[in-house]
Amino acid sequence: MSPQLPQGFAAVDGGEDPHAFVSYVDAVSALSSAQAYKQLTLLMLRVGEGARVLDVGCGTGDAARALAQVVGPRGWVVGIDNSRTMIEEATRRQNGLGLPVEFYVGDAYQIAFPDEVFDACRADRVFQHLREPKKALSEMIRVTRSGGRIVVSDPDWGTFIVNSPDRDLTRRIVGFACDATTDGWMGRQLPGLFREVGLQDVQVRTSLVVIEEYDTAKEVLGIEWLAHGAAQAGVITSGEAERWLRGLQEDHAAGRFTCGLGGFITSGVKP
């Protein structure tokens, strides 16, 4: 989490190194457990050939391109993101592929499409960064046709798992990780939010991203950033941060290192 994560995703282009977020997204996408849950999010959309799909917070466009292959030449996929850096990268990666996908800089709170344009709409790892998730979900509903399906997936930082012999210290650090996110409990709130806005046939699946390499956890879950951030916030001391990280490195060398993050995948149908 070196590029000021997790809070930095709310304003990628305003960071010191926006392209660091691109590298971060690629690192997450490379994890087999992340690939498995992402595939589940696509299946839960229940779209086929000829469908029109919107991906809100599309990042580098991996999911949008995968959906474009599903909907085929008669379909249409649009990816929007508030980061110009992400949209430029997504556009670069789809050049020459001949897929029915387009990418635009866009606002989740004001989606620039008319009502009921899309057959389905998705957002992945986006709502945790939003201060007004209900407003964003309402916009997704607005641009989706009646009978269309909406899928939102987000981690729940209250499920952040780190195997460490010092349980008290670990609890304080993972608690800081949850609070450092705009809404660290977003995952568990999604089913209720879907019902609150009137979506029907609400279904929930869970995911768990597991990491057993220290360096990968450093890059993807930001364990070093979190430890030092907790120390700077006064949650722990700098000495405790160093001791905790040293213990995790020793556990990795001994084959005992394990950490993970759970999430919720929620789908609903527009009446």
Protein backbone atom coordinates (compact mmCIF):
# COMPACT_ATOMS: atom_id res chain seq x y z
CA MET A 1 0.00 0.00 0.00
CA SER A 2 2.83 2.34 -0.65
CA PRO A 3 0.94 4.89 -2.82
CA GLN A 4 -0.96 6.37 0.15
CA LEU A 5 -3.39 3.50 0.21
CA PRO A 6 -6.14 2.78 1.05
CA GLN A 7 -7.41 6.35 1.19
CA GLY A 8 -5.56 7.41 -1.96
CA PHE A 9 -7.93 5.58 -4.31
CA ALA A 10 -10.51 8.31 -3.74
CA ALA A 11 -8.25 10.69 -5.69
CA VAL A 12 -5.68 8.71 -7.66
CA ASP A 13 -4.66 11.53 -9.98
CA GLY A 14 -3.90 13.82 -7.06
CA GLY A 15 -1.27 11.50 -5.59
CA GLU A 16 2.48 11.87 -5.88
CA ASP A 17 2.67 8.87 -8.22
CA PRO A 18 -0.68 7.98 -9.84
CA HIS A 19 0.92 5.12 -11.79
CA ALA A 20 1.74 3.40 -8.50
CA PHE A 21 -1.99 2.70 -8.21
CA VAL A 22 -1.89 1.02 -11.63
CA SER A 23 0.87 -1.27 -10.37
CA TYR A 24 -1.15 -1.96 -7.24
CA VAL A 25 -4.24 -2.95 -9.24
CA ASP A 26 -2.11 -5.28 -11.36
CA ALA A 27 -0.64 -6.89 -8.23
CA VAL A 28 -4.10 -7.60 -6.85
CA SER A 29 -5.30 -8.94 -10.20
CA ALA A 30 -2.39 -11.39 -10.30
CA LEU A 31 -3.57 -13.19 -7.14
CA SER A 32 -5.38 -16.44 -7.92
CA SER A 33 -7.87 -15.92 -5.08
CA ALA A 34 -8.64 -12.42 -6.38
CA GLN A 35 -9.16 -13.81 -9.88
CA ALA A 36 -11.61 -16.37 -8.51
CA TYR A 37 -13.79 -13.83 -6.73
CA LYS A 38 -13.69 -11.43 -9.68
CA GLN A 39 -14.89 -14.19 -11.99
CA LEU A 40 -17.76 -14.80 -9.56
CA THR A 41 -18.74 -11.13 -9.73
CA LEU A 42 -18.95 -11.37 -13.51
CA LEU A 43 -21.02 -14.55 -13.41
CA MET A 44 -23.46 -12.96 -10.96
CA LEU A 45 -24.27 -10.28 -13.57
CA ARG A 46 -25.89 -13.04 -15.68
CA VAL A 47 -25.22 -11.30 -18.97
CA GLY A 48 -24.81 -12.89 -22.37
CA GLU A 49 -24.29 -12.03 -26.01
CA GLY A 50 -25.65 -8.63 -26.98
CA ALA A 51 -25.88 -7.26 -23.44
CA ARG A 52 -25.00 -3.68 -22.50
CA VAL A 53 -22.95 -3.46 -19.30
CA LEU A 54 -21.53 -0.61 -17.23
CA ASP A 55 -18.45 -1.03 -15.00
CA VAL A 56 -18.25 1.76 -12.40
CA GLY A 57 -14.74 2.37 -11.11
CA CYS A 58 -13.28 0.21 -13.86
CA GLY A 59 -9.62 0.85 -13.04
CA THR A 60 -7.36 -0.56 -15.73
CA GLY A 61 -10.32 -2.22 -17.45
CA ASP A 62 -9.59 -5.91 -16.92
CA ALA A 63 -13.18 -6.79 -15.97
CA ALA A 64 -14.64 -4.59 -18.70
CA ARG A 65 -12.55 -6.34 -21.33
CA ALA A 66 -13.59 -9.74 -19.97
CA LEU A 67 -17.23 -8.69 -20.17
CA ALA A 68 -16.73 -7.41 -23.72
CA GLN A 69 -15.69 -10.91 -24.74
CA VAL A 70 -18.89 -12.27 -23.18
CA VAL A 71 -21.31 -9.82 -24.81
CA GLY A 72 -19.63 -10.07 -28.21
CA PRO A 73 -19.83 -7.68 -31.17
CA ARG A 74 -23.57 -7.07 -30.72
CA GLY A 75 -23.03 -6.01 -27.12
CA TRP A 76 -21.55 -2.93 -25.52
CA VAL A 77 -19.43 -2.45 -22.40
CA VAL A 78 -18.56 0.91 -20.85
CA GLY A 79 -16.02 1.45 -18.10
CA ILE A 80 -15.90 4.68 -16.11
CA ASP A 81 -13.44 5.81 -13.48
CA ASN A 82 -12.76 9.13 -11.76
CA SER A 83 -9.05 8.73 -12.51
CA ARG A 84 -7.76 9.90 -15.88
CA THR A 85 -4.62 7.83 -15.23
CA MET A 86 -6.69 4.65 -14.96
CA ILE A 87 -8.80 5.47 -18.02
CA GLU A 88 -5.75 6.21 -20.14
CA GLU A 89 -4.22 2.89 -19.08
CA ALA A 90 -7.46 0.99 -19.72
CA THR A 91 -7.74 2.56 -23.17
CA ARG A 92 -4.13 1.74 -23.98
CA ARG A 93 -4.62 -1.90 -23.01
CA GLN A 94 -7.69 -2.36 -25.21
CA ASN A 95 -6.27 -0.70 -28.32
CA GLY A 96 -6.13 -3.15 -31.20
CA LEU A 97 -8.21 -5.84 -29.50
CA GLY A 98 -11.37 -5.08 -31.45
CA LEU A 99 -13.59 -5.46 -28.40
CA PRO A 100 -16.91 -3.59 -27.95
CA VAL A 101 -15.67 -1.64 -24.93
CA GLU A 102 -15.24 2.07 -24.26
CA PHE A 103 -13.63 3.90 -21.35
CA TYR A 104 -14.44 7.34 -20.01
CA VAL A 105 -13.52 9.52 -17.06
CA GLY A 106 -16.72 9.61 -15.03
CA ASP A 107 -18.33 10.32 -11.68
CA ALA A 108 -20.11 7.53 -9.79
CA TYR A 109 -22.43 10.14 -8.28
CA GLN A 110 -23.42 11.58 -11.68
CA ILE A 111 -23.19 8.87 -14.33
CA ALA A 112 -23.29 10.57 -17.73
CA PHE A 113 -25.84 8.26 -19.38
CA PRO A 114 -29.63 8.43 -19.76
CA ASP A 115 -32.01 6.30 -17.72
CA GLU A 116 -32.20 2.55 -18.35
CA VAL A 117 -29.41 2.34 -20.93
CA PHE A 118 -27.69 -0.76 -19.53
CA ASP A 119 -28.77 -4.35 -18.97
CA ALA A 120 -26.43 -4.73 -16.00
CA CYS A 121 -24.09 -2.66 -13.89
CA ARG A 122 -21.19 -3.54 -11.58
CA ALA A 123 -18.69 -1.96 -9.21
CA ASP A 124 -15.77 -3.79 -7.60
CA ARG A 125 -13.71 -2.47 -4.66
CA VAL A 126 -15.21 0.99 -5.19
CA PHE A 127 -17.84 1.59 -2.51
CA GLN A 128 -15.32 1.31 0.35
CA HIS A 129 -13.85 4.60 -0.91
CA LEU A 130 -17.16 6.47 -1.26
CA ARG A 131 -18.63 8.84 1.30
CA GLU A 132 -22.08 8.56 -0.29
CA PRO A 133 -22.48 4.92 -1.38
CA LYS A 134 -26.27 5.13 -1.46
CA LYS A 135 -26.09 7.97 -3.97
CA ALA A 136 -23.73 5.97 -6.20
CA LEU A 137 -25.92 2.87 -6.02
CA SER A 138 -28.98 4.95 -6.89
CA GLU A 139 -27.19 6.20 -10.00
CA MET A 140 -26.31 2.64 -10.99
CA ILE A 141 -29.98 1.74 -10.62
CA ARG A 142 -31.07 4.74 -12.69
CA VAL A 143 -28.99 3.77 -15.73
CA THR A 144 -29.99 0.08 -15.52
CA ARG A 145 -33.16 -1.15 -17.22
CA SER A 146 -36.02 -2.70 -15.29
CA GLY A 147 -35.17 -6.35 -14.72
CA GLY A 148 -31.46 -5.66 -15.03
CA ARG A 149 -28.99 -6.88 -12.46
CA ILE A 150 -26.58 -4.85 -10.33
CA VAL A 151 -23.53 -6.39 -8.64
CA VAL A 152 -21.33 -4.61 -6.11
CA SER A 153 -18.36 -6.28 -4.43
CA ASP A 154 -16.23 -4.81 -1.68
CA PRO A 155 -13.85 -6.02 0.99
CA ASP A 156 -14.74 -5.73 4.65
CA TRP A 157 -11.65 -4.59 6.53
CA GLY A 158 -13.16 -5.93 9.73
CA THR A 159 -12.23 -9.36 8.35
CA PHE A 160 -8.55 -8.48 7.84
CA ILE A 161 -6.57 -11.54 8.98
CA VAL A 162 -2.92 -11.62 9.99
CA ASN A 163 -1.41 -14.67 11.66
CA SER A 164 0.82 -13.35 14.44
CA PRO A 165 1.66 -14.64 17.93
CA ASP A 166 1.02 -11.15 19.38
CA ARG A 167 -2.75 -11.06 19.17
CA ASP A 168 -3.30 -7.83 21.09
CA LEU A 169 -0.87 -5.89 18.92
CA THR A 170 -2.31 -7.44 15.76
CA ARG A 171 -5.85 -6.47 16.77
CA ARG A 172 -4.78 -2.86 17.19
CA ILE A 173 -3.08 -2.76 13.78
CA VAL A 174 -5.91 -4.44 11.87
CA GLY A 175 -8.35 -2.11 13.64
CA PHE A 176 -6.34 0.83 12.37
CA ALA A 177 -6.45 -0.68 8.86
CA CYS A 178 -10.24 -0.77 9.01
CA ASP A 179 -10.52 2.80 10.26
CA ALA A 180 -7.99 4.09 7.70
CA THR A 181 -10.41 3.23 4.89
CA THR A 182 -13.25 5.64 4.09
CA ASP A 183 -15.68 2.90 5.13
CA GLY A 184 -13.88 -0.23 6.25
CA TRP A 185 -17.17 -2.00 7.00
CA MET A 186 -18.66 -1.43 3.56
CA GLY A 187 -18.72 -5.10 2.61
CA ARG A 188 -21.10 -6.11 5.38
CA GLN A 189 -23.37 -3.13 4.69
CA LEU A 190 -24.01 -3.92 1.03
CA PRO A 191 -26.95 -6.37 1.45
CA GLY A 192 -28.86 -3.91 3.64
CA LEU A 193 -28.07 -1.04 1.30
CA PHE A 194 -29.38 -3.00 -1.69
CA ARG A 195 -32.67 -3.66 0.10
CA GLU A 196 -32.92 -0.07 1.32
CA VAL A 197 -32.89 1.31 -2.23
CA GLY A 198 -35.52 -1.18 -3.36
CA LEU A 199 -33.53 -3.78 -5.27
CA GLN A 200 -35.14 -7.21 -5.43
CA ASP A 201 -33.85 -10.79 -5.34
CA VAL A 202 -30.85 -9.66 -3.27
CA GLN A 203 -28.21 -12.37 -3.13
CA VAL A 204 -24.93 -12.41 -1.22
CA ARG A 205 -21.73 -14.35 -1.75
CA THR A 206 -18.48 -14.06 0.15
CA SER A 207 -14.85 -14.00 -0.92
CA LEU A 208 -11.51 -14.45 0.80
CA VAL A 209 -8.21 -13.31 -0.65
CA VAL A 210 -5.39 -15.29 0.97
CA ILE A 211 -1.71 -14.32 0.85
CA GLU A 212 1.16 -16.48 2.10
CA GLU A 213 4.11 -14.38 0.95
CA TYR A 214 5.38 -11.46 3.03
CA ASP A 215 6.42 -9.35 0.04
CA THR A 216 3.03 -9.85 -1.62
CA ALA A 217 1.24 -8.83 1.58
CA LYS A 218 3.49 -5.79 1.74
CA GLU A 219 2.47 -4.79 -1.79
CA VAL A 220 -1.20 -5.79 -1.81
CA LEU A 221 -2.36 -5.39 1.79
CA GLY A 222 0.20 -2.80 2.81
CA ILE A 223 1.22 -4.43 6.07
CA GLU A 224 4.30 -2.24 6.47
CA TRP A 225 2.38 0.93 5.62
CA LEU A 226 -0.30 -0.08 8.12
CA ALA A 227 2.14 -0.83 10.92
CA HIS A 228 3.99 2.45 10.51
CA GLY A 229 0.72 4.32 9.97
CA ALA A 230 -0.67 2.90 13.21
CA ALA A 231 2.47 4.09 14.98
CA GLN A 232 2.16 7.58 13.51
CA ALA A 233 -1.48 7.68 14.62
CA GLY A 234 -0.49 6.73 18.15
CA VAL A 235 -2.35 3.42 18.06
CA ILE A 236 0.91 1.56 18.72
CA THR A 237 4.51 2.62 19.30
CA SER A 238 7.18 2.64 16.59
CA GLY A 239 8.98 -0.08 18.52
CA GLU A 240 5.87 -2.25 18.48
CA ALA A 241 5.52 -1.69 14.74
CA GLU A 242 9.08 -2.83 14.09
CA ARG A 243 8.69 -5.82 16.40
CA TRP A 244 5.45 -6.87 14.72
CA LEU A 245 6.91 -6.64 11.22
CA ARG A 246 10.06 -8.45 12.25
CA GLY A 247 7.91 -11.25 13.66
CA LEU A 248 5.98 -11.55 10.41
CA GLN A 249 9.21 -11.75 8.43
CA GLU A 250 10.43 -14.50 10.73
CA ASP A 251 7.12 -16.33 10.30
CA HIS A 252 7.51 -16.07 6.53
CA ALA A 253 10.99 -17.59 6.71
CA ALA A 254 9.59 -20.43 8.83
CA GLY A 255 6.64 -21.04 6.49
CA ARG A 256 4.04 -19.79 8.99
CA PHE A 257 3.04 -16.51 7.33
CA THR A 258 -0.63 -16.18 6.40
CA CYS A 259 -2.88 -13.19 5.97
CA GLY A 260 -6.09 -12.47 4.14
CA LEU A 261 -9.06 -10.20 3.58
CA GLY A 262 -12.70 -11.16 3.27
CA GLY A 263 -15.34 -9.49 1.18
CA PHE A 264 -18.99 -9.48 0.17
CA ILE A 265 -20.39 -9.79 -3.36
CA THR A 266 -23.97 -8.56 -3.47
CA SER A 267 -26.39 -8.66 -6.38
CA GLY A 268 -29.90 -7.35 -6.88
CA VAL A 269 -32.48 -6.85 -9.60
CA LYS A 270 -34.05 -3.51 -10.52
CA PRO A 271 -37.86 -3.76 -10.24
